Amino acid sequence: MRMHRHPWSEEFVKMAPKPDYRGVGPRNYRRSDQRILEDINERLTDDDRIDASDIGVKVEGGEVTLSGTVSDRAARRRAEDIAESVSGVGHVQNDLRVAGRNDISGQSGAVGLGERVDPAAPQGQGSVTGPGAPARDATVAALENSSMVLGKQPLPEDDTLRRDSAMAGTAGRDRR
């Protein structure tokens, strides 16, 4: 019995995905660290969005370590992406620092999202230490000074206690 082929079945053959073997090399093939290093250096040099003049690249066993400084966080991420895209790279350790970011003499004083804030006083000195100490100290000082600036007097301590007990008493009456 002879099978009849439908014309539409040939269209399915044309639409079938073709296998993609890109990146699948011969058994036990491993790209040399020197070739990986040269590729990364060339790509960083050719990239028009990164000034790679202060970037150091080290490759050992397919693991890449980036060190040095870049102008901004976008350049830091881009350099890491470039290194990861090179064939033969197993892992990228990004030790790049953003220039001027950790400079203590920096004029801006602004703290970006996710940045580490060093304590105002060295550990063991001062009343409050830790990553949030400067912000916490500034907030407390601003709250303490705001009543004076606005001409308001803070409540006496016994007044606060009286107010809290009065609120507790009204809460009990509402339940009845």
Protein backbone atom coordinates (compact mmCIF):
# COMPACT_ATOMS: atom_id res chain seq x y z
CA MET A 1 0.00 0.00 0.00
CA ARG A 2 1.40 3.33 -1.00
CA MET A 3 1.34 6.28 1.46
CA HIS A 4 0.04 9.53 0.16
CA ARG A 5 1.99 12.65 1.22
CA HIS A 6 -0.01 15.73 1.86
CA PRO A 7 1.39 19.01 0.55
CA TRP A 8 0.99 20.61 4.00
CA SER A 9 3.33 18.00 5.59
CA GLU A 10 6.27 19.45 3.64
CA GLU A 11 5.50 22.83 5.20
CA PHE A 12 5.80 21.29 8.67
CA VAL A 13 9.21 19.92 7.77
CA LYS A 14 10.33 23.41 6.73
CA MET A 15 9.01 24.93 9.98
CA ALA A 16 10.63 22.33 12.28
CA PRO A 17 13.35 23.83 14.48
CA LYS A 18 16.84 23.07 13.37
CA PRO A 19 19.23 21.78 16.02
CA ASP A 20 21.61 24.39 17.41
CA TYR A 21 24.99 22.99 18.38
CA ARG A 22 26.76 26.31 18.88
CA GLY A 23 29.05 26.09 21.91
CA VAL A 24 29.17 22.29 21.90
CA GLY A 25 32.81 21.39 21.28
CA PRO A 26 34.75 18.17 21.06
CA ARG A 27 35.05 15.95 24.13
CA ASN A 28 37.61 17.20 26.69
CA TYR A 29 38.19 20.46 24.80
CA ARG A 30 38.96 23.38 27.05
CA ARG A 31 39.82 26.85 25.85
CA SER A 32 43.16 28.13 27.15
CA ASP A 33 43.22 30.90 29.73
CA GLN A 34 45.46 32.97 27.45
CA ARG A 35 42.89 32.92 24.63
CA ILE A 36 40.10 33.83 27.06
CA LEU A 37 42.22 36.70 28.43
CA GLU A 38 42.92 38.04 24.94
CA ASP A 39 39.24 37.86 23.94
CA ILE A 40 38.11 39.73 27.06
CA ASN A 41 40.79 42.39 26.64
CA GLU A 42 39.87 42.90 22.98
CA ARG A 43 36.15 43.16 23.72
CA LEU A 44 36.71 45.62 26.57
CA THR A 45 38.98 47.68 24.31
CA ASP A 46 36.47 47.68 21.44
CA ASP A 47 33.46 48.60 23.60
CA ASP A 48 32.56 52.27 23.12
CA ARG A 49 30.74 52.56 26.49
CA ILE A 50 33.61 51.51 28.77
CA ASP A 51 36.90 53.25 29.52
CA ALA A 52 38.94 50.11 30.22
CA SER A 53 42.20 51.93 30.95
CA ASP A 54 41.92 51.16 34.71
CA ILE A 55 40.54 47.60 34.42
CA GLY A 56 42.70 44.59 35.21
CA VAL A 57 41.76 41.13 33.92
CA LYS A 58 43.08 37.84 35.33
CA VAL A 59 42.06 34.35 34.13
CA GLU A 60 42.81 31.10 35.98
CA GLY A 61 41.12 27.84 35.04
CA GLY A 62 38.32 29.59 33.17
CA GLU A 63 37.55 31.87 36.15
CA VAL A 64 37.88 35.56 35.37
CA THR A 65 38.68 38.22 37.97
CA LEU A 66 38.05 41.86 37.07
CA SER A 67 39.80 44.48 39.21
CA GLY A 68 40.43 48.23 39.11
CA THR A 69 38.07 51.16 38.74
CA VAL A 70 35.36 52.27 36.32
CA SER A 71 33.41 55.51 36.00
CA ASP A 72 29.95 54.27 37.03
CA ARG A 73 27.85 51.25 37.99
CA ALA A 74 26.63 50.70 34.43
CA ALA A 75 30.23 50.33 33.23
CA ARG A 76 30.90 47.89 36.07
CA ARG A 77 27.94 45.71 35.06
CA ARG A 78 28.79 45.98 31.36
CA ALA A 79 32.38 44.86 31.92
CA GLU A 80 31.11 41.82 33.81
CA ASP A 81 28.62 41.01 31.02
CA ILE A 82 31.37 41.28 28.41
CA ALA A 83 33.60 38.90 30.36
CA GLU A 84 30.76 36.39 30.85
CA SER A 85 29.95 36.40 27.13
CA VAL A 86 33.40 35.10 26.15
CA SER A 87 33.53 31.41 25.24
CA GLY A 88 35.25 29.28 27.87
CA VAL A 89 34.46 31.50 30.87
CA GLY A 90 33.02 29.56 33.79
CA HIS A 91 32.71 32.31 36.40
CA VAL A 92 33.37 36.05 36.66
CA GLN A 93 34.51 37.60 39.95
CA ASN A 94 33.75 41.31 39.60
CA ASP A 95 36.00 43.27 41.98
CA LEU A 96 35.66 46.52 40.01
CA ARG A 97 35.07 49.65 42.05
CA VAL A 98 33.24 52.77 40.95
CA ALA A 99 35.66 55.73 40.97
CA GLY A 100 34.97 58.29 43.67
CA ARG A 101 32.27 56.20 45.29
CA ASN A 102 34.15 55.26 48.46
CA ASP A 103 36.15 58.49 48.60
CA ILE A 104 35.83 59.85 52.15
CA SER A 105 36.60 63.39 50.96
CA GLY A 106 33.71 63.22 48.48
CA GLN A 107 31.66 66.40 48.37
CA SER A 108 28.24 64.97 47.56
CA GLY A 109 27.48 63.22 50.85
CA ALA A 110 24.54 61.48 49.16
CA VAL A 111 24.09 57.80 49.79
CA GLY A 112 22.78 55.67 46.94
CA LEU A 113 20.40 52.76 47.30
CA GLY A 114 22.17 49.64 48.53
CA GLU A 115 25.41 51.45 49.43
CA ARG A 116 27.17 50.69 52.68
CA VAL A 117 27.25 53.54 55.18
CA ASP A 118 30.20 53.50 57.57
CA PRO A 119 29.57 54.33 61.22
CA ALA A 120 30.05 57.92 62.37
CA ALA A 121 32.41 56.83 65.13
CA PRO A 122 34.88 53.94 65.11
CA GLN A 123 33.58 50.74 66.70
CA GLY A 124 33.54 50.99 70.48
CA GLN A 125 33.42 54.79 70.50
CA GLY A 126 30.25 56.84 70.63
CA SER A 127 26.81 55.67 71.64
CA VAL A 128 25.58 54.26 68.35
CA THR A 129 27.65 52.31 65.85
CA GLY A 130 26.83 50.21 62.81
CA PRO A 131 25.88 50.71 59.19
CA GLY A 132 22.88 52.96 59.85
CA ALA A 133 24.43 55.07 62.63
CA PRO A 134 24.94 58.34 60.71
CA ALA A 135 21.41 58.31 59.31
CA ARG A 136 19.94 57.35 62.67
CA ASP A 137 21.93 60.06 64.49
CA ALA A 138 20.86 62.68 61.95
CA THR A 139 17.20 61.64 62.25
CA VAL A 140 17.25 61.78 66.05
CA ALA A 141 18.96 65.19 66.00
CA ALA A 142 16.44 66.54 63.48
CA LEU A 143 13.50 65.32 65.56
CA GLU A 144 14.94 66.78 68.74
CA ASN A 145 15.63 70.14 67.06
CA SER A 146 12.36 70.34 65.13
CA SER A 147 10.25 71.15 68.20
CA MET A 148 12.56 74.03 69.05
CA VAL A 149 12.61 75.36 65.50
CA LEU A 150 8.83 75.27 65.22
CA GLY A 151 8.40 76.90 68.64
CA LYS A 152 6.70 73.86 70.15
CA GLN A 153 7.63 72.51 73.52
CA PRO A 154 8.02 68.75 73.93
CA LEU A 155 5.58 67.05 76.28
CA PRO A 156 6.87 66.44 79.81
CA GLU A 157 7.52 62.80 80.62
CA ASP A 158 4.72 62.54 83.20
CA ASP A 159 2.29 64.04 80.63
CA THR A 160 3.15 61.24 78.21
CA LEU A 161 2.51 58.60 80.85
CA ARG A 162 -0.83 60.19 81.77
CA ARG A 163 -1.88 60.29 78.11
CA ASP A 164 -0.98 56.60 77.60
CA SER A 165 -2.96 55.52 80.68
CA ALA A 166 -5.93 57.64 79.59
CA MET A 167 -5.93 55.96 76.18
CA ALA A 168 -5.81 52.55 77.84
CA GLY A 169 -8.80 53.52 79.96
CA THR A 170 -10.86 54.60 76.95
CA ALA A 171 -10.02 51.40 75.15
CA GLY A 172 -11.50 49.42 78.03
CA ARG A 173 -14.71 51.49 77.97
CA ASP A 174 -15.20 50.90 74.24
CA ARG A 175 -15.28 47.15 74.74
CA ARG A 176 -18.32 47.23 77.09
